Each structure stands twice: as structure tokens, then as C-alpha cells.
Amino acid sequence: MDWTVTVPGRLDAFITSQDASFTRSRIQKEIDHGNVSVNGKHVTKASLRLKSGDRVSLDTDTASIPKESPIEPRDLHLTVLYEDDSCLVIDKPAGISVHPGAGMSPGETTILNGVAFLFQGRAILFSPESVLVHRLDKDTTGCLLIAKNPQAHVFYQEQFAKRSIEKVYLALVAGVPKVSEAIIDAPIGRSLMQKVKMSVFRTRESREARTRYLVLQSKDLVSLVECRPETGRTHQIRLHLSSLGHPILGDETYGSAQSHTLSEKYKVKRMCLHAWKLRFQSFVIQEELNAQSDIAKDFLGVLENVGLERV
């Protein structure tokens, strides 16, 4: 297979846009086997940035990596908050991972199973890496943007890369921040002690991370905080709030003794983080769109237990 790049972007996103059967993990495996080249040279990273005019080649004669198992459609009764010909925004429930990953049981249900169910009978070429534009943690609820075709997927990923998509989250945190409105500017990288965790530190491996926050309400050492991440690092909001000394209630990974005590006191069953609003430009109608997800019932229950008002 040979292609010519017309729009700059990542190598893996480009290959997926040309053939949706290639997931990013499969592309990396093909790269590891020496089957992918750019301008005649073998590449080592799927994240390589391509320029207009670059020639990408995939040696299908030597490709030995089998295609990954298809995602089984399962009815998760997902609520669709917005939909057009290029995308949909679903209301992600708590307790379900967005996609399969390390540590999960074989066949464990993910949001992708629900998306596959929604796409049944439609003229949509379904592939995990051509529909997922961004991720939410397993216990995070709210707005999740899903692309309907490889071209839309590239478009929305570029919007995220340019930081033109605005995400607004709500978090219940332990304590009351001394500054009610500020920007947390702290780089994030993989923890040197525990690889499953991220850490705030400044090295060559860490990446820029910025989160705007605003304290909406506070009572009994619990605060409801609005967060607007300007970057999209793994666990960014959780880690930034924890580094501020105010971890999210129910966060087992980045929590503190205080947050664990408060979580028990107010009967918190899972991490209180909600993807509340999403503002983005549609690929097909070229208009700015706004999606909003109602706060989940269990989150509202904690608000009521604390004595905080609904927003």
C-alpha cells in the first residue's frame, strides 16, 4: 500500500484515515516488524509527524500481524447527546472503560461495544481507532466525542491538538483551595516508581500540562470545582488537583488520607469527576457546537450528602 500525504498529522492517524481496519496498536506492530516506511525510510514511531507530500508505504507482502478481533456490539443503553453525519457525543456512564486495555478481563465490556451497537446497520466503517477521538477514565462520566469516519477522526484529533475543543469538568475535591480561581501549570510524566501512575515533575520526558479551575461551592471541607484542561494529558485533572493538595473524592490512585476519610463520610462509591460540557466545531456543518451532560445520580447524591447545591 502506498499513499501521499495531503494534510499534515501523525503517521498512525494518517494510516487509519486511509484504511480504518488498522488500529494504532496494529500500526505500531507493523512498524516494529519493519513494514512501514516514509519517503523510502523505515520508521520506528507511530507518532511521527508527517508533512504534505510525504510518501507512506506499508509492505503488505511481508505484513504478518493479524487484524485484531472485532468489537462485539452490545446494547449499553447509551444516551446520545448530539449527532451529525461526522460524529456523535455520548453520555458515558461510570464503571465502564472506554476501550480494552491492560489488566482487563478478556471480553470485558467497554464503551466501544456500546458504540458498535449504535453503529449497527449504518454505513459506518467501524474501527476502534477511527472512532475514538479522546478518552475518559473508567469512573469518569459525561461527554465523550465519537467520530463516524476516518476523515472526521483526523479532523477532530487535529482540533484537540490545536486546543480548539473546550472541555469543562466538574470535580468534588477534598478541602477548600486558598485561591478560588487559578491556572495549574505543572508538567506531567509517567511515574518513575509506579508505571501505572502519572506524576508532576519537570524532566525531558514530562509534557506540558495546564488546567484552569474555578471553585464553585464549598462546605464542610468539600469543594465543587469547575476544571477546564488546556492540554490533554493522562489523568491530568486528577493529578493537578491532587498536586494542589485537593484530590478528587473517590480517587483511589491520587487520593490522600483526608480525601479517603471524606469519601467514606459522604458515602462516595466512585471518583467524583464529570465531563460536563464539550464545545467543538463540527466537521460537516462548520458550526460551533455545544454538548452538555447532566450530572450523574450518584454524583448528585454526594452533593446532597455534603449539602452543596446542584449546578
Protein backbone atom coordinates (compact mmCIF):
# COMPACT_ATOMS: atom_id res chain seq x y z
CA MET A 1 0.00 0.00 0.00
CA ASP A 2 1.29 3.46 -0.91
CA TRP A 3 -0.19 6.84 -0.06
CA THR A 4 0.70 10.50 -0.46
CA VAL A 5 0.08 12.82 2.48
CA THR A 6 -2.06 15.88 1.75
CA VAL A 7 -2.78 17.05 5.31
CA PRO A 8 0.00 17.17 7.96
CA GLY A 9 -0.53 14.99 11.01
CA ARG A 10 0.55 11.86 12.87
CA LEU A 11 1.60 8.75 10.98
CA ASP A 12 -0.81 6.42 12.81
CA ALA A 13 -3.76 8.78 12.33
CA PHE A 14 -2.92 9.05 8.63
CA ILE A 15 -2.79 5.28 8.06
CA THR A 16 -6.07 4.85 9.93
CA SER A 17 -7.66 7.54 7.75
CA GLN A 18 -6.63 5.55 4.67
CA ASP A 19 -7.62 2.12 5.98
CA ALA A 20 -9.85 2.02 9.06
CA SER A 21 -9.05 -1.67 9.65
CA PHE A 22 -5.66 -0.59 11.05
CA THR A 23 -5.80 0.25 14.76
CA ARG A 24 -2.96 2.20 16.33
CA SER A 25 -1.70 -0.83 18.21
CA ARG A 26 -1.62 -2.82 14.98
CA ILE A 27 0.18 0.02 13.18
CA GLN A 28 2.86 0.04 15.89
CA LYS A 29 3.28 -3.72 15.49
CA GLU A 30 3.70 -3.31 11.74
CA ILE A 31 6.31 -0.62 12.42
CA ASP A 32 8.11 -2.91 14.87
CA HIS A 33 8.24 -5.57 12.13
CA GLY A 34 9.78 -3.07 9.70
CA ASN A 35 6.77 -2.97 7.42
CA VAL A 36 6.17 0.81 7.38
CA SER A 37 8.32 3.42 5.66
CA VAL A 38 8.08 7.15 4.97
CA ASN A 39 9.84 8.53 1.90
CA GLY A 40 11.63 5.20 1.50
CA LYS A 41 12.97 5.05 5.07
CA HIS A 42 11.74 2.64 7.74
CA VAL A 43 10.17 4.40 10.72
CA THR A 44 10.21 3.50 14.41
CA LYS A 45 7.43 5.65 15.88
CA ALA A 46 3.73 5.70 15.11
CA SER A 47 3.63 9.29 16.39
CA LEU A 48 5.93 10.54 13.61
CA ARG A 49 4.67 13.87 12.24
CA LEU A 50 4.03 13.81 8.51
CA LYS A 51 4.25 16.74 6.09
CA SER A 52 2.26 17.35 2.92
CA GLY A 53 3.88 15.44 0.07
CA ASP A 54 5.37 12.67 2.24
CA ARG A 55 5.05 9.15 0.80
CA VAL A 56 3.88 6.47 3.22
CA SER A 57 4.30 2.79 2.35
CA LEU A 58 3.03 -0.33 4.09
CA ASP A 59 4.56 -3.58 2.84
CA THR A 60 1.51 -5.85 2.79
CA ASP A 61 3.52 -8.74 1.34
CA THR A 62 5.61 -9.02 4.50
CA ALA A 63 2.96 -7.86 6.96
CA SER A 64 2.43 -10.72 9.36
CA ILE A 65 0.33 -9.13 12.07
CA PRO A 66 -3.24 -10.44 12.09
CA LYS A 67 -6.10 -8.00 12.33
CA GLU A 68 -7.41 -7.56 15.85
CA SER A 69 -10.64 -9.19 16.93
CA PRO A 70 -13.72 -7.18 16.01
CA ILE A 71 -15.60 -5.37 18.75
CA GLU A 72 -18.82 -7.20 19.63
CA PRO A 73 -21.90 -4.94 19.56
CA ARG A 74 -23.58 -4.78 22.98
CA ASP A 75 -26.55 -2.65 23.98
CA LEU A 76 -25.35 -0.44 26.83
CA HIS A 77 -28.35 1.89 26.52
CA LEU A 78 -26.02 4.79 25.82
CA THR A 79 -27.57 8.26 25.70
CA VAL A 80 -26.65 10.29 22.61
CA LEU A 81 -26.27 13.99 23.47
CA TYR A 82 -25.52 15.18 19.93
CA GLU A 83 -25.21 13.60 16.49
CA ASP A 84 -24.50 14.60 12.89
CA ASP A 85 -23.02 12.84 9.86
CA SER A 86 -19.46 13.10 11.20
CA CYS A 87 -19.73 12.42 14.91
CA LEU A 88 -21.82 11.81 17.96
CA VAL A 89 -21.38 12.79 21.59
CA ILE A 90 -22.44 10.11 24.04
CA ASP A 91 -23.11 10.38 27.76
CA LYS A 92 -20.57 7.97 29.22
CA PRO A 93 -21.74 6.12 32.33
CA ALA A 94 -19.47 5.33 35.28
CA GLY A 95 -17.78 1.99 35.78
CA ILE A 96 -17.11 1.14 32.13
CA SER A 97 -13.74 1.56 30.41
CA VAL A 98 -13.77 3.36 27.07
CA HIS A 99 -11.66 0.71 25.32
CA PRO A 100 -9.90 -2.60 26.09
CA GLY A 101 -6.58 -2.27 27.88
CA ALA A 102 -4.01 -3.88 30.13
CA GLY A 103 -5.39 -5.50 33.26
CA MET A 104 -8.85 -6.06 31.81
CA SER A 105 -10.53 -9.44 31.55
CA PRO A 106 -10.89 -10.97 28.07
CA GLY A 107 -14.22 -9.94 26.60
CA GLU A 108 -14.86 -7.31 29.28
CA THR A 109 -17.48 -4.82 28.14
CA THR A 110 -16.26 -1.37 27.11
CA ILE A 111 -17.85 1.76 25.68
CA LEU A 112 -16.66 0.58 22.25
CA ASN A 113 -19.10 -2.34 22.49
CA GLY A 114 -21.90 0.16 23.00
CA VAL A 115 -20.72 2.34 20.12
CA ALA A 116 -20.56 -0.71 17.85
CA PHE A 117 -24.18 -1.41 18.81
CA LEU A 118 -25.21 2.16 17.95
CA PHE A 119 -23.50 1.85 14.56
CA GLN A 120 -25.17 -1.45 13.62
CA GLY A 121 -26.96 -1.30 10.29
CA ARG A 122 -25.39 2.02 9.35
CA ALA A 123 -22.97 2.73 6.52
CA ILE A 124 -20.16 3.36 9.02
CA LEU A 125 -16.80 1.56 8.80
CA PHE A 126 -16.32 0.79 12.49
CA SER A 127 -12.80 0.53 13.89
CA PRO A 128 -11.74 1.39 17.46
CA GLU A 129 -9.01 3.74 16.29
CA SER A 130 -11.20 5.52 13.74
CA VAL A 131 -13.96 6.38 16.20
CA LEU A 132 -12.21 7.27 19.48
CA VAL A 133 -11.16 10.91 19.46
CA HIS A 134 -10.31 11.17 23.17
CA ARG A 135 -10.66 9.11 26.35
CA LEU A 136 -12.34 9.32 29.73
CA ASP A 137 -11.26 7.30 32.76
CA LYS A 138 -13.37 4.30 33.76
CA ASP A 139 -15.15 6.07 36.62
CA THR A 140 -15.49 9.43 34.86
CA THR A 141 -18.94 10.23 33.49
CA GLY A 142 -20.14 12.64 30.81
CA CYS A 143 -19.42 13.90 27.31
CA LEU A 144 -17.41 11.61 25.03
CA LEU A 145 -16.86 12.59 21.38
CA ILE A 146 -17.02 9.76 18.83
CA ALA A 147 -16.06 10.12 15.14
CA LYS A 148 -18.05 8.31 12.44
CA ASN A 149 -15.37 8.02 9.75
CA PRO A 150 -11.57 8.24 9.41
CA GLN A 151 -11.66 11.72 7.87
CA ALA A 152 -13.76 13.10 10.73
CA HIS A 153 -11.48 11.31 13.19
CA VAL A 154 -8.42 13.11 11.82
CA PHE A 155 -10.31 16.44 11.83
CA TYR A 156 -11.37 16.16 15.48
CA GLN A 157 -7.97 14.91 16.62
CA GLU A 158 -6.40 17.94 14.95
CA GLN A 159 -8.86 20.16 16.83
CA PHE A 160 -7.72 18.60 20.09
CA ALA A 161 -4.07 19.05 19.06
CA LYS A 162 -4.73 22.73 18.31
CA ARG A 163 -6.60 23.05 21.63
CA SER A 164 -9.66 24.44 19.90
CA ILE A 165 -12.00 21.96 21.60
CA GLU A 166 -13.09 23.18 25.03
CA LYS A 167 -13.77 20.63 27.75
CA VAL A 168 -15.38 21.56 31.07
CA TYR A 169 -15.37 19.15 34.00
CA LEU A 170 -16.90 19.16 37.47
CA ALA A 171 -14.97 17.64 40.37
CA LEU A 172 -15.69 17.22 44.06
CA VAL A 173 -12.45 17.67 45.95
CA ALA A 174 -11.19 17.41 49.49
CA GLY A 175 -10.61 20.74 51.22
CA VAL A 176 -11.03 24.34 50.10
CA PRO A 177 -8.39 25.79 47.74
CA LYS A 178 -6.85 29.00 49.09
CA VAL A 179 -7.12 30.59 45.64
CA SER A 180 -10.63 30.29 44.23
CA GLU A 181 -9.64 30.72 40.58
CA ALA A 182 -6.27 29.97 39.01
CA ILE A 183 -4.28 28.04 36.43
CA ILE A 184 -2.33 24.95 37.44
CA ASP A 185 0.74 24.87 35.19
CA ALA A 186 2.62 21.69 36.05
CA PRO A 187 4.22 19.22 33.59
CA ILE A 188 3.17 15.59 33.77
CA GLY A 189 5.08 12.39 33.06
CA ARG A 190 4.98 8.69 33.81
CA SER A 191 5.79 7.96 37.46
CA LEU A 192 9.29 6.58 37.97
CA MET A 193 8.09 4.48 40.91
CA GLN A 194 4.75 3.14 39.64
CA LYS A 195 4.34 2.86 35.88
CA VAL A 196 0.53 2.82 36.08
CA LYS A 197 0.57 6.26 37.68
CA MET A 198 1.46 9.70 36.39
CA SER A 199 3.43 12.32 38.34
CA VAL A 200 4.02 16.05 38.32
CA PHE A 201 7.68 16.71 37.59
CA ARG A 202 9.86 18.57 35.10
CA THR A 203 12.23 16.43 33.03
CA ARG A 204 12.86 15.86 29.33
CA GLU A 205 10.24 13.09 29.42
CA SER A 206 7.49 15.15 31.06
CA ARG A 207 4.96 17.06 28.95
CA GLU A 208 3.39 20.48 29.34
CA ALA A 209 0.07 20.40 31.22
CA ARG A 210 -2.25 23.28 32.13
CA THR A 211 -5.61 23.24 33.89
CA ARG A 212 -7.82 26.22 34.70
CA TYR A 213 -10.01 25.78 37.75
CA LEU A 214 -12.77 27.72 39.50
CA VAL A 215 -14.20 26.89 42.92
CA LEU A 216 -17.99 26.97 42.56
CA GLN A 217 -19.04 26.00 46.10
CA SER A 218 -17.50 24.82 49.37
CA LYS A 219 -18.91 23.27 52.53
CA ASP A 220 -17.60 21.06 55.33
CA LEU A 221 -14.12 20.70 53.80
CA VAL A 222 -15.51 19.67 50.40
CA SER A 223 -15.44 21.87 47.28
CA LEU A 224 -17.17 21.64 43.93
CA VAL A 225 -14.63 22.74 41.33
CA GLU A 226 -15.03 23.53 37.63
CA CYS A 227 -11.98 22.46 35.61
CA ARG A 228 -11.02 23.42 32.06
CA PRO A 229 -7.96 21.44 30.90
CA GLU A 230 -6.00 23.31 28.25
CA THR A 231 -3.96 20.20 27.46
CA GLY A 232 -5.00 16.55 27.40
CA ARG A 233 -2.54 14.52 29.45
CA THR A 234 -3.38 11.20 31.05
CA HIS A 235 -5.01 11.73 34.48
CA GLN A 236 -4.34 15.49 34.12
CA ILE A 237 -7.22 16.89 36.20
CA ARG A 238 -6.88 14.21 38.86
CA LEU A 239 -3.16 14.74 39.20
CA HIS A 240 -3.26 18.55 39.07
CA LEU A 241 -5.91 18.79 41.78
CA SER A 242 -4.02 16.27 43.91
CA SER A 243 -0.78 18.23 43.47
CA LEU A 244 -2.66 21.29 44.71
CA GLY A 245 -3.47 19.39 47.89
CA HIS A 246 -7.12 18.84 46.96
CA PRO A 247 -7.57 15.37 45.44
CA ILE A 248 -10.89 14.29 43.97
CA LEU A 249 -13.18 12.37 46.31
CA GLY A 250 -13.21 8.69 45.45
CA ASP A 251 -9.87 8.78 43.62
CA GLU A 252 -8.05 5.70 44.88
CA THR A 253 -4.90 6.41 42.86
CA TYR A 254 -4.15 10.04 43.69
CA GLY A 255 -6.20 10.45 46.87
CA SER A 256 -5.00 11.44 50.35
CA ALA A 257 -5.89 10.40 53.89
CA GLN A 258 -8.24 13.39 54.06
CA SER A 259 -9.98 12.60 50.77
CA HIS A 260 -10.41 8.95 51.73
CA THR A 261 -11.93 9.95 55.09
CA LEU A 262 -14.31 12.41 53.44
CA SER A 263 -15.23 9.85 50.78
CA GLU A 264 -16.23 7.39 53.48
CA LYS A 265 -18.12 10.07 55.44
CA TYR A 266 -20.19 11.16 52.44
CA LYS A 267 -20.68 7.64 51.02
CA VAL A 268 -18.68 8.15 47.84
CA LYS A 269 -18.71 4.97 45.74
CA ARG A 270 -16.52 6.10 42.83
CA MET A 271 -14.38 9.03 41.68
CA CYS A 272 -16.42 12.26 41.55
CA LEU A 273 -15.29 13.60 38.16
CA HIS A 274 -17.79 14.53 35.45
CA ALA A 275 -17.15 15.64 31.85
CA TRP A 276 -19.84 18.32 31.97
CA LYS A 277 -19.56 20.29 28.73
CA LEU A 278 -17.89 19.96 25.33
CA ARG A 279 -17.59 22.77 22.79
CA PHE A 280 -16.26 21.97 19.31
CA GLN A 281 -16.65 22.70 15.60
CA SER A 282 -18.48 20.13 13.50
CA PHE A 283 -16.65 18.56 10.57
CA VAL A 284 -19.75 18.65 8.36
CA ILE A 285 -21.72 21.78 9.24
CA GLN A 286 -18.80 24.06 10.14
CA GLU A 287 -20.59 25.48 13.16
CA GLU A 288 -19.57 25.68 16.79
CA LEU A 289 -21.49 23.10 18.80
CA ASN A 290 -22.11 22.68 22.50
CA ALA A 291 -22.91 19.40 24.24
CA GLN A 292 -23.76 19.11 27.92
CA SER A 293 -24.23 16.10 30.16
CA ASP A 294 -26.43 16.11 33.26
CA ILE A 295 -24.58 15.21 36.44
CA ALA A 296 -24.94 11.50 37.23
CA LYS A 297 -27.34 10.49 40.02
CA ASP A 298 -24.64 9.11 42.30
CA PHE A 299 -22.62 12.34 41.95
CA LEU A 300 -25.78 14.33 42.78
CA GLY A 301 -26.28 12.10 45.80
CA VAL A 302 -22.86 13.04 47.14
CA LEU A 303 -23.61 16.74 46.55
CA GLU A 304 -26.77 16.35 48.61
CA ASN A 305 -24.95 14.44 51.35
CA VAL A 306 -22.42 17.27 51.65
CA GLY A 307 -25.11 19.96 51.43
CA LEU A 308 -23.94 21.53 48.19
CA GLU A 309 -26.35 22.84 45.56
CA ARG A 310 -26.86 21.37 42.11
CA VAL A 311 -25.38 23.25 39.15
